[in-house]
Amino acid sequence: MLAEFQDVKVGDAFPLGHGGPQLHVEILDPGHSLVFRFDGANRIWSFNLEPENGSTRLVSRNRIATPNASVAERAVNALRMEPGSLVMKRKLLKGIKQRAEKPAHQPNACVAEG
């Protein structure tokens, strides 16, 4: 458990990497949903916990609004963004899974994946 992330509130901002955009907490429903809005973009990233067969499923979704883009521009953007996004999200979610499944008595070390 990281103490600095235990008292998150709507409106809080977190940097996405060094020099990256800020993620602003847009919706917070503890134990259910956490939704970030990207600084300076029409983009959100949500994390939702959903009960499933006696356990819990974590679902991550992104939405990018491009109201003035043509269908071709949207297709090019998707082809350019999706491969890297999928790799990053997979690694992120696997790390969360490993930490969530770690026995409570183990020290909370960062999980690195090679």
Protein backbone atom coordinates (compact mmCIF):
# COMPACT_ATOMS: atom_id res chain seq x y z
CA MET A 1 0.00 0.00 0.00
CA LEU A 2 1.35 3.40 -0.97
CA ALA A 3 0.31 5.94 1.65
CA GLU A 4 0.29 8.89 -0.77
CA PHE A 5 -2.50 7.25 -2.80
CA GLN A 6 -4.85 6.33 0.06
CA ASP A 7 -6.69 9.67 0.29
CA VAL A 8 -7.46 10.39 -3.37
CA LYS A 9 -10.23 12.93 -4.07
CA VAL A 10 -12.11 14.13 -7.14
CA GLY A 11 -10.01 16.88 -8.71
CA ASP A 12 -6.63 15.47 -7.62
CA ALA A 13 -4.04 15.36 -10.40
CA PHE A 14 -1.30 12.81 -11.03
CA PRO A 15 1.44 12.98 -13.67
CA LEU A 16 1.53 10.25 -16.28
CA GLY A 17 5.27 9.66 -16.36
CA HIS A 18 7.94 12.35 -16.49
CA GLY A 19 6.77 15.27 -18.64
CA GLY A 20 3.56 13.50 -19.59
CA PRO A 21 0.03 14.79 -19.23
CA GLN A 22 -1.71 15.12 -15.89
CA LEU A 23 -4.46 12.65 -15.00
CA HIS A 24 -7.27 14.35 -13.06
CA VAL A 25 -9.58 12.29 -10.87
CA GLU A 26 -12.98 12.88 -12.47
CA ILE A 27 -15.10 10.21 -10.73
CA LEU A 28 -14.30 8.34 -7.53
CA ASP A 29 -16.57 5.65 -6.12
CA PRO A 30 -14.34 3.77 -3.62
CA GLY A 31 -14.47 0.03 -4.10
CA HIS A 32 -16.19 0.41 -7.48
CA SER A 33 -14.85 3.03 -9.92
CA LEU A 34 -11.97 5.40 -10.55
CA VAL A 35 -12.09 7.58 -13.66
CA PHE A 36 -9.30 9.88 -14.82
CA ARG A 37 -9.54 12.71 -17.35
CA PHE A 38 -6.38 13.56 -19.26
CA ASP A 39 -5.16 17.14 -19.01
CA GLY A 40 -5.63 19.03 -22.25
CA ALA A 41 -7.34 16.18 -24.10
CA ASN A 42 -10.79 14.74 -24.67
CA ARG A 43 -9.73 11.45 -23.17
CA ILE A 44 -10.73 9.44 -20.11
CA TRP A 45 -9.33 6.30 -18.52
CA SER A 46 -11.56 4.31 -16.20
CA PHE A 47 -10.99 1.45 -13.79
CA ASN A 48 -14.05 -0.43 -12.58
CA LEU A 49 -14.40 -3.34 -10.18
CA GLU A 50 -17.14 -5.77 -11.17
CA PRO A 51 -18.29 -8.78 -9.11
CA GLU A 52 -17.95 -11.99 -11.11
CA ASN A 53 -18.61 -15.56 -9.93
CA GLY A 54 -17.64 -14.93 -6.31
CA SER A 55 -14.56 -12.87 -7.17
CA THR A 56 -13.89 -9.43 -8.59
CA ARG A 57 -12.94 -8.41 -12.12
CA LEU A 58 -10.97 -5.23 -12.82
CA VAL A 59 -11.95 -3.60 -16.11
CA SER A 60 -9.89 -0.80 -17.65
CA ARG A 61 -11.34 1.31 -20.46
CA ASN A 62 -10.15 4.31 -22.47
CA ARG A 63 -12.26 6.71 -24.47
CA ILE A 64 -10.93 9.37 -26.78
CA ALA A 65 -13.43 11.88 -28.16
CA THR A 66 -12.54 13.25 -31.59
CA PRO A 67 -15.69 15.11 -32.63
CA ASN A 68 -14.08 17.04 -35.52
CA ALA A 69 -12.03 14.17 -36.95
CA SER A 70 -13.02 12.32 -40.09
CA VAL A 71 -13.57 8.56 -40.09
CA ALA A 72 -10.19 8.16 -41.82
CA GLU A 73 -8.43 10.29 -39.17
CA ARG A 74 -10.04 8.24 -36.39
CA ALA A 75 -8.92 5.00 -38.06
CA VAL A 76 -5.33 6.25 -38.44
CA ASN A 77 -5.26 7.40 -34.80
CA ALA A 78 -6.57 4.02 -33.62
CA LEU A 79 -3.99 2.12 -35.67
CA ARG A 80 -1.23 4.35 -34.32
CA MET A 81 -2.32 4.31 -30.65
CA GLU A 82 -3.77 0.86 -29.99
CA PRO A 83 -0.69 -1.41 -30.17
CA GLY A 84 1.30 0.57 -27.60
CA SER A 85 -1.75 1.13 -25.43
CA LEU A 86 -2.53 -2.59 -25.33
CA VAL A 87 1.02 -3.50 -24.31
CA MET A 88 1.08 -0.82 -21.59
CA LYS A 89 -2.37 -1.74 -20.22
CA ARG A 90 -1.57 -5.45 -20.15
CA LYS A 91 1.59 -4.84 -18.13
CA LEU A 92 -0.25 -2.46 -15.80
CA LEU A 93 -3.13 -4.86 -15.17
CA LYS A 94 -0.81 -7.85 -14.64
CA GLY A 95 1.12 -5.82 -12.04
CA ILE A 96 -2.12 -4.90 -10.26
CA LYS A 97 -3.19 -8.56 -10.33
CA GLN A 98 0.10 -9.71 -8.80
CA ARG A 99 -0.13 -7.14 -6.01
CA ALA A 100 -3.80 -7.90 -5.33
CA GLU A 101 -3.15 -11.64 -5.08
CA LYS A 102 -0.11 -11.30 -2.83
CA PRO A 103 -0.76 -12.58 0.71
CA ALA A 104 -1.42 -9.74 3.16
CA HIS A 105 1.56 -10.67 5.36
CA GLN A 106 4.14 -10.10 2.58
CA PRO A 107 5.85 -6.72 2.44
CA ASN A 108 4.48 -4.44 -0.26
CA ALA A 109 7.30 -4.43 -2.80
CA CYS A 110 6.97 -3.14 -6.31
CA VAL A 111 6.35 -5.85 -8.87
CA ALA A 112 8.56 -5.66 -11.94
CA GLU A 113 7.91 -7.68 -15.03
CA GLY A 114 10.58 -8.48 -17.57
